[in-house]
PDB file of N, CA and C in Angstrom:
ATOM      1  N   UNK A   1      35.502 -43.194  51.209  1.00  0.00           N
ATOM      2  CA  UNK A   1      34.300 -42.421  51.441  1.00  0.00           C
ATOM      3  C   UNK A   1      34.490 -40.996  50.947  1.00  0.00           C
ATOM      4  N   UNK A   2      35.589 -40.409  51.197  1.00  0.00           N
ATOM      5  CA  UNK A   2      35.871 -39.054  50.758  1.00  0.00           C
ATOM      6  C   UNK A   2      35.908 -39.012  49.230  1.00  0.00           C
ATOM      7  N   UNK A   3      36.507 -40.011  48.616  1.00  0.00           N
ATOM      8  CA  UNK A   3      36.558 -40.080  47.177  1.00  0.00           C
ATOM      9  C   UNK A   3      35.140 -40.176  46.603  1.00  0.00           C
ATOM     10  N   UNK A   4      34.312 -40.946  47.250  1.00  0.00           N
ATOM     11  CA  UNK A   4      32.919 -41.079  46.818  1.00  0.00           C
ATOM     12  C   UNK A   4      32.197 -39.737  46.900  1.00  0.00           C
ATOM     13  N   UNK A   5      32.390 -38.998  47.976  1.00  0.00           N
ATOM     14  CA  UNK A   5      31.768 -37.684  48.140  1.00  0.00           C
ATOM     15  C   UNK A   5      32.263 -36.722  47.065  1.00  0.00           C
ATOM     16  N   UNK A   6      33.564 -36.777  46.756  1.00  0.00           N
ATOM     17  CA  UNK A   6      34.152 -35.911  45.741  1.00  0.00           C
ATOM     18  C   UNK A   6      33.545 -36.244  44.376  1.00  0.00           C
ATOM     19  N   UNK A   7      33.453 -37.528  44.064  1.00  0.00           N
ATOM     20  CA  UNK A   7      32.883 -37.945  42.789  1.00  0.00           C
ATOM     21  C   UNK A   7      31.418 -37.513  42.671  1.00  0.00           C
ATOM     22  N   UNK A   8      30.670 -37.653  43.754  1.00  0.00           N
ATOM     23  CA  UNK A   8      29.260 -37.259  43.759  1.00  0.00           C
ATOM     24  C   UNK A   8      29.142 -35.750  43.551  1.00  0.00           C
ATOM     25  N   UNK A   9      29.984 -35.001  44.260  1.00  0.00           N
ATOM     26  CA  UNK A   9      29.960 -33.549  44.135  1.00  0.00           C
ATOM     27  C   UNK A   9      30.341 -33.144  42.719  1.00  0.00           C
ATOM     28  N   UNK A  10      31.355 -33.734  42.143  1.00  0.00           N
ATOM     29  CA  UNK A  10      31.788 -33.434  40.773  1.00  0.00           C
ATOM     30  C   UNK A  10      30.681 -33.780  39.774  1.00  0.00           C
ATOM     31  N   UNK A  11      30.046 -34.936  39.991  1.00  0.00           N
ATOM     32  CA  UNK A  11      28.963 -35.351  39.100  1.00  0.00           C
ATOM     33  C   UNK A  11      27.799 -34.363  39.183  1.00  0.00           C
ATOM     34  N   UNK A  12      27.459 -33.943  40.392  1.00  0.00           N
ATOM     35  CA  UNK A  12      26.373 -32.977  40.576  1.00  0.00           C
ATOM     36  C   UNK A  12      26.731 -31.640  39.912  1.00  0.00           C
ATOM     37  N   UNK A  13      27.981 -31.231  40.037  1.00  0.00           N
ATOM     38  CA  UNK A  13      28.441 -29.976  39.444  1.00  0.00           C
ATOM     39  C   UNK A  13      28.331 -30.051  37.926  1.00  0.00           C
ATOM     40  N   UNK A  14      28.816 -31.162  37.340  1.00  0.00           N
ATOM     41  CA  UNK A  14      28.716 -31.331  35.883  1.00  0.00           C
ATOM     42  C   UNK A  14      27.257 -31.333  35.433  1.00  0.00           C
ATOM     43  N   UNK A  15      26.399 -31.962  36.181  1.00  0.00           N
ATOM     44  CA  UNK A  15      24.968 -32.025  35.831  1.00  0.00           C
ATOM     45  C   UNK A  15      24.350 -30.629  35.854  1.00  0.00           C
ATOM     46  N   UNK A  16      24.675 -29.844  36.880  1.00  0.00           N
ATOM     47  CA  UNK A  16      24.162 -28.469  36.958  1.00  0.00           C
ATOM     48  C   UNK A  16      24.677 -27.633  35.794  1.00  0.00           C
ATOM     49  N   UNK A  17      25.965 -27.787  35.464  1.00  0.00           N
ATOM     50  CA  UNK A  17      26.534 -27.034  34.343  1.00  0.00           C
ATOM     51  C   UNK A  17      25.858 -27.425  33.023  1.00  0.00           C
ATOM     52  N   UNK A  18      25.614 -28.742  32.849  1.00  0.00           N
ATOM     53  CA  UNK A  18      24.944 -29.202  31.618  1.00  0.00           C
ATOM     54  C   UNK A  18      23.521 -28.639  31.548  1.00  0.00           C
ATOM     55  N   UNK A  19      22.819 -28.664  32.691  1.00  0.00           N
ATOM     56  CA  UNK A  19      21.450 -28.132  32.712  1.00  0.00           C
ATOM     57  C   UNK A  19      21.448 -26.631  32.428  1.00  0.00           C
ATOM     58  N   UNK A  20      22.434 -25.930  32.993  1.00  0.00           N
ATOM     59  CA  UNK A  20      22.536 -24.489  32.766  1.00  0.00           C
ATOM     60  C   UNK A  20      22.791 -24.209  31.279  1.00  0.00           C
ATOM     61  N   UNK A  21      23.671 -24.986  30.679  1.00  0.00           N
ATOM     62  CA  UNK A  21      23.976 -24.817  29.258  1.00  0.00           C
ATOM     63  C   UNK A  21      22.742 -25.135  28.399  1.00  0.00           C
ATOM     64  N   UNK A  22      22.046 -26.191  28.716  1.00  0.00           N
ATOM     65  CA  UNK A  22      20.837 -26.570  27.962  1.00  0.00           C
ATOM     66  C   UNK A  22      19.771 -25.488  28.070  1.00  0.00           C
ATOM     67  N   UNK A  23      19.626 -24.927  29.263  1.00  0.00           N
ATOM     68  CA  UNK A  23      18.662 -23.845  29.464  1.00  0.00           C
ATOM     69  C   UNK A  23      19.047 -22.636  28.618  1.00  0.00           C
ATOM     70  N   UNK A  24      20.333 -22.322  28.601  1.00  0.00           N
ATOM     71  CA  UNK A  24      20.827 -21.194  27.817  1.00  0.00           C
ATOM     72  C   UNK A  24      20.518 -21.418  26.326  1.00  0.00           C
ATOM     73  N   UNK A  25      20.783 -22.612  25.826  1.00  0.00           N
ATOM     74  CA  UNK A  25      20.519 -22.945  24.418  1.00  0.00           C
ATOM     75  C   UNK A  25      19.018 -22.875  24.136  1.00  0.00           C
ATOM     76  N   UNK A  26      18.197 -23.444  25.017  1.00  0.00           N
ATOM     77  CA  UNK A  26      16.749 -23.442  24.843  1.00  0.00           C
ATOM     78  C   UNK A  26      16.214 -22.012  24.834  1.00  0.00           C
ATOM     79  N   UNK A  27      16.700 -21.163  25.742  1.00  0.00           N
ATOM     80  CA  UNK A  27      16.279 -19.763  25.788  1.00  0.00           C
ATOM     81  C   UNK A  27      16.662 -19.031  24.496  1.00  0.00           C
ATOM     82  N   UNK A  28      17.884 -19.322  23.993  1.00  0.00           N
ATOM     83  CA  UNK A  28      18.330 -18.690  22.749  1.00  0.00           C
ATOM     84  C   UNK A  28      17.428 -19.110  21.584  1.00  0.00           C
ATOM     85  N   UNK A  29      17.124 -20.388  21.505  1.00  0.00           N
ATOM     86  CA  UNK A  29      16.261 -20.891  20.441  1.00  0.00           C
ATOM     87  C   UNK A  29      14.869 -20.265  20.515  1.00  0.00           C
ATOM     88  N   UNK A  30      14.326 -20.165  21.721  1.00  0.00           N
ATOM     89  CA  UNK A  30      13.006 -19.564  21.912  1.00  0.00           C
ATOM     90  C   UNK A  30      13.024 -18.102  21.479  1.00  0.00           C
ATOM     91  N   UNK A  31      14.058 -17.380  21.896  1.00  0.00           N
ATOM     92  CA  UNK A  31      14.181 -15.965  21.537  1.00  0.00           C
ATOM     93  C   UNK A  31      14.269 -15.804  20.013  1.00  0.00           C
ATOM     94  N   UNK A  32      15.072 -16.623  19.367  1.00  0.00           N
ATOM     95  CA  UNK A  32      15.205 -16.535  17.909  1.00  0.00           C
ATOM     96  C   UNK A  32      13.885 -16.869  17.215  1.00  0.00           C
ATOM     97  N   UNK A  33      13.172 -17.863  17.727  1.00  0.00           N
ATOM     98  CA  UNK A  33      11.884 -18.228  17.136  1.00  0.00           C
ATOM     99  C   UNK A  33      10.900 -17.065  17.274  1.00  0.00           C
ATOM    100  N   UNK A  34      10.865 -16.454  18.445  1.00  0.00           N
ATOM    101  CA  UNK A  34       9.970 -15.311  18.664  1.00  0.00           C
ATOM    102  C   UNK A  34      10.334 -14.141  17.765  1.00  0.00           C
ATOM    103  N   UNK A  35      11.644 -13.891  17.610  1.00  0.00           N
ATOM    104  CA  UNK A  35      12.074 -12.802  16.735  1.00  0.00           C
ATOM    105  C   UNK A  35      11.654 -13.076  15.297  1.00  0.00           C
ATOM    106  N   UNK A  36      11.791 -14.327  14.861  1.00  0.00           N
ATOM    107  CA  UNK A  36      11.398 -14.696  13.497  1.00  0.00           C
ATOM    108  C   UNK A  36       9.889 -14.523  13.318  1.00  0.00           C
ATOM    109  N   UNK A  37       9.118 -14.946  14.317  1.00  0.00           N
ATOM    110  CA  UNK A  37       7.660 -14.795  14.246  1.00  0.00           C
ATOM    111  C   UNK A  37       7.281 -13.319  14.203  1.00  0.00           C
ATOM    112  N   UNK A  38       7.955 -12.521  15.009  1.00  0.00           N
ATOM    113  CA  UNK A  38       7.681 -11.082  15.043  1.00  0.00           C
ATOM    114  C   UNK A  38       8.005 -10.458  13.692  1.00  0.00           C
ATOM    115  N   UNK A  39       9.165 -10.841  13.111  1.00  0.00           N
ATOM    116  CA  UNK A  39       9.538 -10.322  11.784  1.00  0.00           C
ATOM    117  C   UNK A  39       8.491 -10.699  10.754  1.00  0.00           C
ATOM    118  N   UNK A  40       8.052 -11.954  10.794  1.00  0.00           N
ATOM    119  CA  UNK A  40       7.055 -12.433   9.832  1.00  0.00           C
ATOM    120  C   UNK A  40       5.733 -11.686  10.004  1.00  0.00           C
ATOM    121  N   UNK A  41       5.317 -11.495  11.263  1.00  0.00           N
ATOM    122  CA  UNK A  41       4.066 -10.760  11.520  1.00  0.00           C
ATOM    123  C   UNK A  41       4.190  -9.318  11.055  1.00  0.00           C
ATOM    124  N   UNK A  42       5.336  -8.710  11.314  1.00  0.00           N
ATOM    125  CA  UNK A  42       5.545  -7.321  10.902  1.00  0.00           C
ATOM    126  C   UNK A  42       5.492  -7.236   9.371  1.00  0.00           C
ATOM    127  N   UNK A  43       6.114  -8.189   8.697  1.00  0.00           N
ATOM    128  CA  UNK A  43       6.092  -8.212   7.233  1.00  0.00           C
ATOM    129  C   UNK A  43       4.655  -8.356   6.725  1.00  0.00           C
ATOM    130  N   UNK A  44       3.892  -9.272   7.348  1.00  0.00           N
ATOM    131  CA  UNK A  44       2.494  -9.465   6.936  1.00  0.00           C
ATOM    132  C   UNK A  44       1.694  -8.186   7.145  1.00  0.00           C
ATOM    133  N   UNK A  45       1.916  -7.528   8.279  1.00  0.00           N
ATOM    134  CA  UNK A  45       1.203  -6.288   8.573  1.00  0.00           C
ATOM    135  C   UNK A  45       1.571  -5.209   7.563  1.00  0.00           C
ATOM    136  N   UNK A  46       2.864  -5.075   7.278  1.00  0.00           N
ATOM    137  CA  UNK A  46       3.301  -4.059   6.314  1.00  0.00           C
ATOM    138  C   UNK A  46       2.725  -4.349   4.934  1.00  0.00           C
ATOM    139  N   UNK A  47       2.724  -5.622   4.547  1.00  0.00           N
ATOM    140  CA  UNK A  47       2.176  -6.005   3.244  1.00  0.00           C
ATOM    141  C   UNK A  47       0.686  -5.695   3.193  1.00  0.00           C
ATOM    142  N   UNK A  48      -0.035  -6.061   4.251  1.00  0.00           N
ATOM    143  CA  UNK A  48      -1.484  -5.807   4.306  1.00  0.00           C
ATOM    144  C   UNK A  48      -1.756  -4.303   4.242  1.00  0.00           C
ATOM    145  N   UNK A  49      -0.996  -3.520   4.996  1.00  0.00           N
ATOM    146  CA  UNK A  49      -1.189  -2.069   5.000  1.00  0.00           C
ATOM    147  C   UNK A  49      -0.882  -1.473   3.626  1.00  0.00           C
ATOM    148  N   UNK A  50       0.195  -1.946   3.001  1.00  0.00           N
ATOM    149  CA  UNK A  50       0.566  -1.443   1.682  1.00  0.00           C
ATOM    150  C   UNK A  50      -0.525  -1.780   0.669  1.00  0.00           C
ATOM    151  N   UNK A  51      -1.034  -3.011   0.721  1.00  0.00           N
ATOM    152  CA  UNK A  51      -2.110  -3.418  -0.192  1.00  0.00           C
ATOM    153  C   UNK A  51      -3.362  -2.578   0.041  1.00  0.00           C
ATOM    154  N   UNK A  52      -3.688  -2.364   1.310  1.00  0.00           N
ATOM    155  CA  UNK A  52      -4.877  -1.564   1.640  1.00  0.00           C
ATOM    156  C   UNK A  52      -4.720  -0.138   1.112  1.00  0.00           C
ATOM    157  N   UNK A  53      -3.530   0.441   1.311  1.00  0.00           N
ATOM    158  CA  UNK A  53      -3.280   1.803   0.824  1.00  0.00           C
ATOM    159  C   UNK A  53      -3.383   1.865  -0.693  1.00  0.00           C
ATOM    160  N   UNK A  54      -2.823   0.853  -1.378  1.00  0.00           N
ATOM    161  CA  UNK A  54      -2.882   0.829  -2.841  1.00  0.00           C
ATOM    162  C   UNK A  54      -4.335   0.710  -3.295  1.00  0.00           C
ATOM    163  N   UNK A  55      -5.104  -0.159  -2.648  1.00  0.00           N
ATOM    164  CA  UNK A  55      -6.514  -0.326  -3.010  1.00  0.00           C
ATOM    165  C   UNK A  55      -7.292   0.962  -2.778  1.00  0.00           C
ATOM    166  N   UNK A  56      -7.009   1.630  -1.670  1.00  0.00           N
ATOM    167  CA  UNK A  56      -7.679   2.899  -1.360  1.00  0.00           C
ATOM    168  C   UNK A  56      -7.343   3.930  -2.427  1.00  0.00           C
ATOM    169  N   UNK A  57      -6.058   3.998  -2.794  1.00  0.00           N
ATOM    170  CA  UNK A  57      -5.622   4.944  -3.820  1.00  0.00           C
ATOM    171  C   UNK A  57      -6.297   4.634  -5.155  1.00  0.00           C
ATOM    172  N   UNK A  58      -6.345   3.358  -5.526  1.00  0.00           N
ATOM    173  CA  UNK A  58      -6.974   2.979  -6.792  1.00  0.00           C
ATOM    174  C   UNK A  58      -8.468   3.291  -6.765  1.00  0.00           C
ATOM    175  N   UNK A  59      -9.125   3.016  -5.633  1.00  0.00           N
ATOM    176  CA  UNK A  59     -10.556   3.304  -5.519  1.00  0.00           C
ATOM    177  C   UNK A  59     -10.790   4.812  -5.653  1.00  0.00           C
ATOM    178  N   UNK A  60      -9.951   5.625  -5.006  1.00  0.00           N
ATOM    179  CA  UNK A  60     -10.082   7.079  -5.090  1.00  0.00           C
ATOM    180  C   UNK A  60      -9.894   7.536  -6.534  1.00  0.00           C
ATOM    181  N   UNK A  61      -8.857   6.974  -7.219  1.00  0.00           N
ATOM    182  CA  UNK A  61      -8.605   7.364  -8.607  1.00  0.00           C
ATOM    183  C   UNK A  61      -9.788   6.978  -9.491  1.00  0.00           C
ATOM    184  N   UNK A  62     -10.342   5.790  -9.259  1.00  0.00           N
ATOM    185  CA  UNK A  62     -11.491   5.332 -10.048  1.00  0.00           C
ATOM    186  C   UNK A  62     -12.695   6.232  -9.794  1.00  0.00           C
ATOM    187  N   UNK A  63     -12.951   6.533  -8.518  1.00  0.00           N
ATOM    188  CA  UNK A  63     -14.093   7.391  -8.188  1.00  0.00           C
ATOM    189  C   UNK A  63     -13.910   8.775  -8.805  1.00  0.00           C
ATOM    190  N   UNK A  64     -12.701   9.308  -8.743  1.00  0.00           N
ATOM    191  CA  UNK A  64     -12.426  10.628  -9.310  1.00  0.00           C
ATOM    192  C   UNK A  64     -12.607  10.596 -10.823  1.00  0.00           C
ATOM    193  N   UNK A  65     -12.070   9.552 -11.458  1.00  0.00           N
ATOM    194  CA  UNK A  65     -12.204   9.434 -12.913  1.00  0.00           C
ATOM    195  C   UNK A  65     -13.679   9.322 -13.294  1.00  0.00           C
ATOM    196  N   UNK A  66     -14.432   8.492 -12.555  1.00  0.00           N
ATOM    197  CA  UNK A  66     -15.860   8.327 -12.850  1.00  0.00           C
ATOM    198  C   UNK A  66     -16.615   9.643 -12.657  1.00  0.00           C
ATOM    199  N   UNK A  67     -16.273  10.361 -11.578  1.00  0.00           N
ATOM    200  CA  UNK A  67     -16.929  11.646 -11.319  1.00  0.00           C
ATOM    201  C   UNK A  67     -16.611  12.630 -12.442  1.00  0.00           C
ATOM    202  N   UNK A  68     -15.336  12.675 -12.858  1.00  0.00           N
ATOM    203  CA  UNK A  68     -14.936  13.570 -13.945  1.00  0.00           C
ATOM    204  C   UNK A  68     -15.656  13.202 -15.238  1.00  0.00           C
ATOM    205  N   UNK A  69     -15.766  11.902 -15.504  1.00  0.00           N
ATOM    206  CA  UNK A  69     -16.462  11.446 -16.719  1.00  0.00           C
ATOM    207  C   UNK A  69     -17.926  11.849 -16.667  1.00  0.00           C
ATOM    208  N   UNK A  70     -18.577  11.631 -15.527  1.00  0.00           N
ATOM    209  CA  UNK A  70     -19.985  12.036 -15.377  1.00  0.00           C
ATOM    210  C   UNK A  70     -20.134  13.530 -15.598  1.00  0.00           C
ATOM    211  N   UNK A  71     -19.232  14.316 -15.024  1.00  0.00           N
ATOM    212  CA  UNK A  71     -19.298  15.774 -15.163  1.00  0.00           C
ATOM    213  C   UNK A  71     -19.123  16.184 -16.624  1.00  0.00           C
ATOM    214  N   UNK A  72     -18.151  15.551 -17.299  1.00  0.00           N
ATOM    215  CA  UNK A  72     -17.946  15.863 -18.725  1.00  0.00           C
ATOM    216  C   UNK A  72     -19.192  15.539 -19.530  1.00  0.00           C
ATOM    217  N   UNK A  73     -19.792  14.369 -19.239  1.00  0.00           N
ATOM    218  CA  UNK A  73     -21.001  13.987 -19.975  1.00  0.00           C
ATOM    219  C   UNK A  73     -22.154  14.950 -19.680  1.00  0.00           C
ATOM    220  N   UNK A  74     -22.293  15.329 -18.418  1.00  0.00           N
ATOM    221  CA  UNK A  74     -23.352  16.291 -18.070  1.00  0.00           C
ATOM    222  C   UNK A  74     -23.105  17.621 -18.779  1.00  0.00           C
ATOM    223  N   UNK A  75     -21.852  18.071 -18.791  1.00  0.00           N
ATOM    224  CA  UNK A  75     -21.518  19.330 -19.471  1.00  0.00           C
ATOM    225  C   UNK A  75     -21.823  19.219 -20.962  1.00  0.00           C
ATOM    226  N   UNK A  76     -21.435  18.084 -21.569  1.00  0.00           N
ATOM    227  CA  UNK A  76     -21.685  17.883 -22.999  1.00  0.00           C
ATOM    228  C   UNK A  76     -23.185  17.872 -23.269  1.00  0.00           C
ATOM    229  N   UNK A  77     -23.940  17.131 -22.428  1.00  0.00           N
ATOM    230  CA  UNK A  77     -25.391  17.064 -22.619  1.00  0.00           C
ATOM    231  C   UNK A  77     -26.032  18.444 -22.480  1.00  0.00           C
ATOM    232  N   UNK A  78     -25.590  19.196 -21.471  1.00  0.00           N
ATOM    233  CA  UNK A  78     -26.118  20.548 -21.260  1.00  0.00           C
ATOM    234  C   UNK A  78     -25.785  21.428 -22.454  1.00  0.00           C
ATOM    235  N   UNK A  79     -24.539  21.354 -22.938  1.00  0.00           N
ATOM    236  CA  UNK A  79     -24.116  22.163 -24.083  1.00  0.00           C
ATOM    237  C   UNK A  79     -24.938  21.795 -25.319  1.00  0.00           C
ATOM    238  N   UNK A  80     -25.104  20.490 -25.547  1.00  0.00           N
ATOM    239  CA  UNK A  80     -25.878  20.062 -26.716  1.00  0.00           C
ATOM    240  C   UNK A  80     -27.331  20.504 -26.603  1.00  0.00           C
ATOM    241  N   UNK A  81     -27.887  20.381 -25.408  1.00  0.00           N
ATOM    242  CA  UNK A  81     -29.276  20.809 -25.205  1.00  0.00           C
ATOM    243  C   UNK A  81     -29.392  22.305 -25.448  1.00  0.00           C
ATOM    244  N   UNK A  82     -28.440  23.058 -24.936  1.00  0.00           N
ATOM    245  CA  UNK A  82     -28.446  24.506 -25.115  1.00  0.00           C
ATOM    246  C   UNK A  82     -28.317  24.859 -26.603  1.00  0.00           C
ATOM    247  N   UNK A  83     -27.390  24.145 -27.287  1.00  0.00           N
ATOM    248  CA  UNK A  83     -27.219  24.410 -28.719  1.00  0.00           C
ATOM    249  C   UNK A  83     -28.497  24.080 -29.480  1.00  0.00           C
ATOM    250  N   UNK A  84     -29.141  22.973 -29.136  1.00  0.00           N
ATOM    251  CA  UNK A  84     -30.388  22.579 -29.789  1.00  0.00           C
ATOM    252  C   UNK A  84     -31.474  23.612 -29.521  1.00  0.00           C
ATOM    253  N   UNK A  85     -31.580  24.046 -28.245  1.00  0.00           N
ATOM    254  CA  UNK A  85     -32.587  25.053 -27.904  1.00  0.00           C
ATOM    255  C   UNK A  85     -32.295  26.356 -28.630  1.00  0.00           C
ATOM    256  N   UNK A  86     -31.029  26.734 -28.683  1.00  0.00           N
ATOM    257  CA  UNK A  86     -30.648  27.979 -29.351  1.00  0.00           C
ATOM    258  C   UNK A  86     -30.944  27.880 -30.839  1.00  0.00           C
ATOM    259  N   UNK A  87     -30.588  26.739 -31.445  1.00  0.00           N
ATOM    260  CA  UNK A  87     -30.854  26.539 -32.859  1.00  0.00           C
ATOM    261  C   UNK A  87     -32.355  26.607 -33.125  1.00  0.00           C
ATOM    262  N   UNK A  88     -33.135  25.938 -32.266  1.00  0.00           N
ATOM    263  CA  UNK A  88     -34.587  25.957 -32.415  1.00  0.00           C
ATOM    264  C   UNK A  88     -35.140  27.356 -32.271  1.00  0.00           C
ATOM    265  N   UNK A  89     -34.658  28.096 -31.282  1.00  0.00           N
ATOM    266  CA  UNK A  89     -35.117  29.471 -31.058  1.00  0.00           C
ATOM    267  C   UNK A  89     -34.710  30.345 -32.227  1.00  0.00           C
ATOM    268  N   UNK A  90     -33.461  30.157 -32.718  1.00  0.00           N
ATOM    269  CA  UNK A  90     -32.985  30.947 -33.848  1.00  0.00           C
ATOM    270  C   UNK A  90     -33.838  30.651 -35.087  1.00  0.00           C
ATOM    271  N   UNK A  91     -34.155  29.378 -35.277  1.00  0.00           N
ATOM    272  CA  UNK A  91     -34.982  28.990 -36.430  1.00  0.00           C
ATOM    273  C   UNK A  91     -36.376  29.619 -36.317  1.00  0.00           C
ATOM    274  N   UNK A  92     -36.929  29.549 -35.082  1.00  0.00           N
ATOM    275  CA  UNK A  92     -38.251  30.153 -34.870  1.00  0.00           C
ATOM    276  C   UNK A  92     -38.197  31.654 -35.128  1.00  0.00           C
ATOM    277  N   UNK A  93     -37.140  32.307 -34.657  1.00  0.00           N
ATOM    278  CA  UNK A  93     -36.987  33.751 -34.841  1.00  0.00           C
ATOM    279  C   UNK A  93     -36.835  34.081 -36.318  1.00  0.00           C
ATOM    280  N   UNK A  94     -35.992  33.312 -37.017  1.00  0.00           N
ATOM    281  CA  UNK A  94     -35.787  33.569 -38.443  1.00  0.00           C
ATOM    282  C   UNK A  94     -37.084  33.351 -39.218  1.00  0.00           C
ATOM    283  N   UNK A  95     -37.786  32.290 -38.899  1.00  0.00           N
ATOM    284  CA  UNK A  95     -39.056  32.008 -39.584  1.00  0.00           C
ATOM    285  C   UNK A  95     -40.054  33.124 -39.308  1.00  0.00           C
ATOM    286  N   UNK A  96     -40.130  33.568 -38.063  1.00  0.00           N
ATOM    287  CA  UNK A  96     -41.064  34.638 -37.701  1.00  0.00           C
ATOM    288  C   UNK A  96     -40.704  35.915 -38.449  1.00  0.00           C
ATOM    289  N   UNK A  97     -39.401  36.232 -38.476  1.00  0.00           N
ATOM    290  CA  UNK A  97     -38.960  37.442 -39.183  1.00  0.00           C
ATOM    291  C   UNK A  97     -39.243  37.343 -40.674  1.00  0.00           C
ATOM    292  N   UNK A  98     -38.980  36.158 -41.267  1.00  0.00           N
ATOM    293  CA  UNK A  98     -39.273  35.987 -42.698  1.00  0.00           C
ATOM    294  C   UNK A  98     -40.769  36.142 -42.954  1.00  0.00           C
ATOM    295  N   UNK A  99     -41.575  35.541 -42.084  1.00  0.00           N
ATOM    296  CA  UNK A  99     -43.023  35.650 -42.232  1.00  0.00           C
ATOM    297  C   UNK A  99     -43.459  37.110 -42.099  1.00  0.00           C
ATOM    298  N   UNK A 100     -42.868  37.820 -41.150  1.00  0.00           N
ATOM    299  CA  UNK A 100     -43.208  39.227 -40.948  1.00  0.00           C
ATOM    300  C   UNK A 100     -42.838  40.027 -42.188  1.00  0.00           C
ATOM    301  N   UNK A 101     -41.635  39.732 -42.715  1.00  0.00           N
ATOM    302  CA  UNK A 101     -41.180  40.446 -43.909  1.00  0.00           C
ATOM    303  C   UNK A 101     -42.091  40.156 -45.107  1.00  0.00           C
ATOM    304  N   UNK A 102     -42.648  38.959 -45.148  1.00  0.00           N
ATOM    305  CA  UNK A 102     -43.518  38.597 -46.265  1.00  0.00           C
ATOM    306  C   UNK A 102     -44.948  39.076 -46.029  1.00  0.00           C
ATOM    307  N   UNK A 103     -45.227  39.596 -44.879  1.00  0.00           N
ATOM    308  CA  UNK A 103     -46.555  40.126 -44.605  1.00  0.00           C
ATOM    309  C   UNK A 103     -47.492  39.088 -44.027  1.00  0.00           C
ATOM    310  N   UNK A 104     -46.942  38.119 -43.386  1.00  0.00           N
ATOM    311  CA  UNK A 104     -47.798  37.103 -42.784  1.00  0.00           C
ATOM    312  C   UNK A 104     -47.316  35.733 -43.175  1.00  0.00           C
ATOM    313  N   UNK A 105     -47.847  34.743 -42.572  1.00  0.00           N
ATOM    314  CA  UNK A 105     -47.360  33.402 -42.819  1.00  0.00           C
ATOM    315  C   UNK A 105     -47.667  32.991 -44.254  1.00  0.00           C
ATOM    316  N   UNK A 106     -46.625  32.708 -45.041  1.00  0.00           N
ATOM    317  CA  UNK A 106     -46.774  32.219 -46.404  1.00  0.00           C
ATOM    318  C   UNK A 106     -47.235  33.256 -47.405  1.00  0.00           C
ATOM    319  N   UNK A 107     -47.282  34.516 -47.017  1.00  0.00           N
ATOM    320  CA  UNK A 107     -47.752  35.545 -47.965  1.00  0.00           C
ATOM    321  C   UNK A 107     -46.662  36.576 -48.164  1.00  0.00           C
ATOM    322  N   UNK A 108     -46.559  37.067 -49.392  1.00  0.00           N
ATOM    323  CA  UNK A 108     -45.599  38.132 -49.676  1.00  0.00           C
ATOM    324  C   UNK A 108     -46.308  39.460 -49.453  1.00  0.00           C
ATOM    325  N   UNK A 109     -45.622  40.443 -48.950  1.00  0.00           N
ATOM    326  CA  UNK A 109     -46.265  41.741 -48.795  1.00  0.00           C
ATOM    327  C   UNK A 109     -46.642  42.317 -50.158  1.00  0.00           C
ATOM    328  N   UNK A 110     -47.716  43.027 -50.190  1.00  0.00           N
ATOM    329  CA  UNK A 110     -48.234  43.580 -51.449  1.00  0.00           C
ATOM    330  C   UNK A 110     -47.266  44.552 -52.081  1.00  0.00           C
ATOM    331  N   UNK A 111     -46.475  45.264 -51.238  1.00  0.00           N
ATOM    332  CA  UNK A 111     -45.591  46.289 -51.797  1.00  0.00           C
ATOM    333  C   UNK A 111     -44.239  45.735 -52.179  1.00  0.00           C
ATOM    334  N   UNK A 112     -43.998  44.440 -51.956  1.00  0.00           N
ATOM    335  CA  UNK A 112     -42.693  43.871 -52.260  1.00  0.00           C
ATOM    336  C   UNK A 112     -42.661  43.409 -53.699  1.00  0.00           C
ATOM    337  N   UNK A 113     -41.596  43.752 -54.396  1.00  0.00           N
ATOM    338  CA  UNK A 113     -41.457  43.366 -55.798  1.00  0.00           C
ATOM    339  C   UNK A 113     -40.885  41.972 -55.849  1.00  0.00           C
ATOM    340  N   UNK A 114     -41.494  41.137 -56.661  1.00  0.00           N
ATOM    341  CA  UNK A 114     -41.021  39.760 -56.789  1.00  0.00           C
ATOM    342  C   UNK A 114     -39.908  39.657 -57.776  1.00  0.00           C
TER     343      UNK A 114
END
């Protein structure tokens, strides 16, 4: 009877030790899986943030380039318009002065020697 009690106690002790070891292994596996998932999520987040930042930077560069191009075109158009207006005004002034010098539109002054 005593031997039976000893065997039962030893068997129970071994069973508890095995269960404790299995729990330890299971906890380790769970922890490693969670760490791997966390690493993967962190990597995905960093990648997403990096992509978003790059897209934002590219959009800003594109908007800036487009704005600069529009400004250059507006400046060019304004300059050309001004040059055209100036040329037209200069032509009108020269024509008026020539007409005045000739004594009227299409006429030479009477005192001018041909």
